[in-house]
Amino acid sequence: MELEIKLFHQNSSKKSPAGFFIVLTSNV
């Protein structure tokens, strides 16, 4: 799970940090 979030964060960080928050909220 942490790996998935980290991978997504890397891609999201480049495009837009908002994506990381959406993934975190969706996971919780």
N, C-alpha and C. Protein backbone atom coordinates (compact mmCIF):
# COMPACT_ATOMS: atom_id res chain seq x y z
N MET A 1 0.85 -1.21 0.00
CA MET A 1 0.00 0.00 0.00
C MET A 1 0.89 1.26 0.00
N GLU A 2 1.91 1.21 0.82
CA GLU A 2 2.79 2.39 0.89
C GLU A 2 3.50 2.60 -0.46
N LEU A 3 3.84 1.49 -1.09
CA LEU A 3 4.52 1.58 -2.39
C LEU A 3 3.60 2.24 -3.42
N GLU A 4 2.34 1.84 -3.40
CA GLU A 4 1.39 2.40 -4.37
C GLU A 4 1.26 3.92 -4.15
N ILE A 5 1.11 4.31 -2.91
CA ILE A 5 0.95 5.73 -2.60
C ILE A 5 2.21 6.50 -3.00
N LYS A 6 3.36 5.91 -2.72
CA LYS A 6 4.63 6.57 -3.05
C LYS A 6 4.77 6.73 -4.56
N LEU A 7 4.44 5.66 -5.30
CA LEU A 7 4.54 5.71 -6.76
C LEU A 7 3.59 6.78 -7.30
N PHE A 8 2.38 6.79 -6.81
CA PHE A 8 1.39 7.77 -7.27
C PHE A 8 1.84 9.18 -6.90
N HIS A 9 2.37 9.33 -5.70
CA HIS A 9 2.82 10.64 -5.23
C HIS A 9 3.91 11.19 -6.16
N GLN A 10 4.82 10.31 -6.59
CA GLN A 10 5.89 10.74 -7.48
C GLN A 10 5.31 11.29 -8.78
N ASN A 11 4.34 10.60 -9.34
CA ASN A 11 3.74 11.03 -10.61
C ASN A 11 2.84 12.25 -10.37
N SER A 12 2.14 12.26 -9.25
CA SER A 12 1.22 13.35 -8.95
C SER A 12 2.01 14.62 -8.61
N SER A 13 3.10 14.45 -7.89
CA SER A 13 3.91 15.60 -7.48
C SER A 13 4.37 16.38 -8.71
N LYS A 14 4.66 15.65 -9.78
CA LYS A 14 5.13 16.33 -11.00
C LYS A 14 3.98 17.07 -11.67
N LYS A 15 2.80 16.46 -11.65
CA LYS A 15 1.65 17.08 -12.32
C LYS A 15 0.94 18.05 -11.37
N SER A 16 0.52 17.53 -10.23
CA SER A 16 -0.17 18.41 -9.26
C SER A 16 -0.29 17.69 -7.92
N PRO A 17 0.15 18.31 -6.85
CA PRO A 17 0.12 17.71 -5.51
C PRO A 17 -1.30 17.35 -5.06
N ALA A 18 -2.29 17.99 -5.63
CA ALA A 18 -3.68 17.72 -5.23
C ALA A 18 -4.01 16.24 -5.43
N GLY A 19 -3.45 15.63 -6.46
CA GLY A 19 -3.72 14.22 -6.75
C GLY A 19 -3.32 13.34 -5.56
N PHE A 20 -2.22 13.68 -4.91
CA PHE A 20 -1.75 12.87 -3.78
C PHE A 20 -2.79 12.90 -2.66
N PHE A 21 -3.36 14.06 -2.40
CA PHE A 21 -4.37 14.19 -1.34
C PHE A 21 -5.60 13.35 -1.67
N ILE A 22 -5.99 13.35 -2.92
CA ILE A 22 -7.17 12.58 -3.35
C ILE A 22 -6.93 11.10 -3.09
N VAL A 23 -5.74 10.62 -3.42
CA VAL A 23 -5.41 9.19 -3.23
C VAL A 23 -5.42 8.86 -1.75
N LEU A 24 -4.86 9.74 -0.94
CA LEU A 24 -4.80 9.48 0.50
C LEU A 24 -6.22 9.42 1.07
N THR A 25 -7.04 10.35 0.66
CA THR A 25 -8.41 10.38 1.18
C THR A 25 -9.20 9.17 0.68
N SER A 26 -8.93 8.76 -0.56
CA SER A 26 -9.66 7.62 -1.13
C SER A 26 -9.25 6.33 -0.42
N ASN A 27 -7.99 6.25 -0.02
CA ASN A 27 -7.49 5.04 0.66
C ASN A 27 -8.06 4.96 2.07
N VAL A 28 -8.14 6.06 2.74
CA VAL A 28 -8.61 6.05 4.14
C VAL A 28 -10.10 5.74 4.21
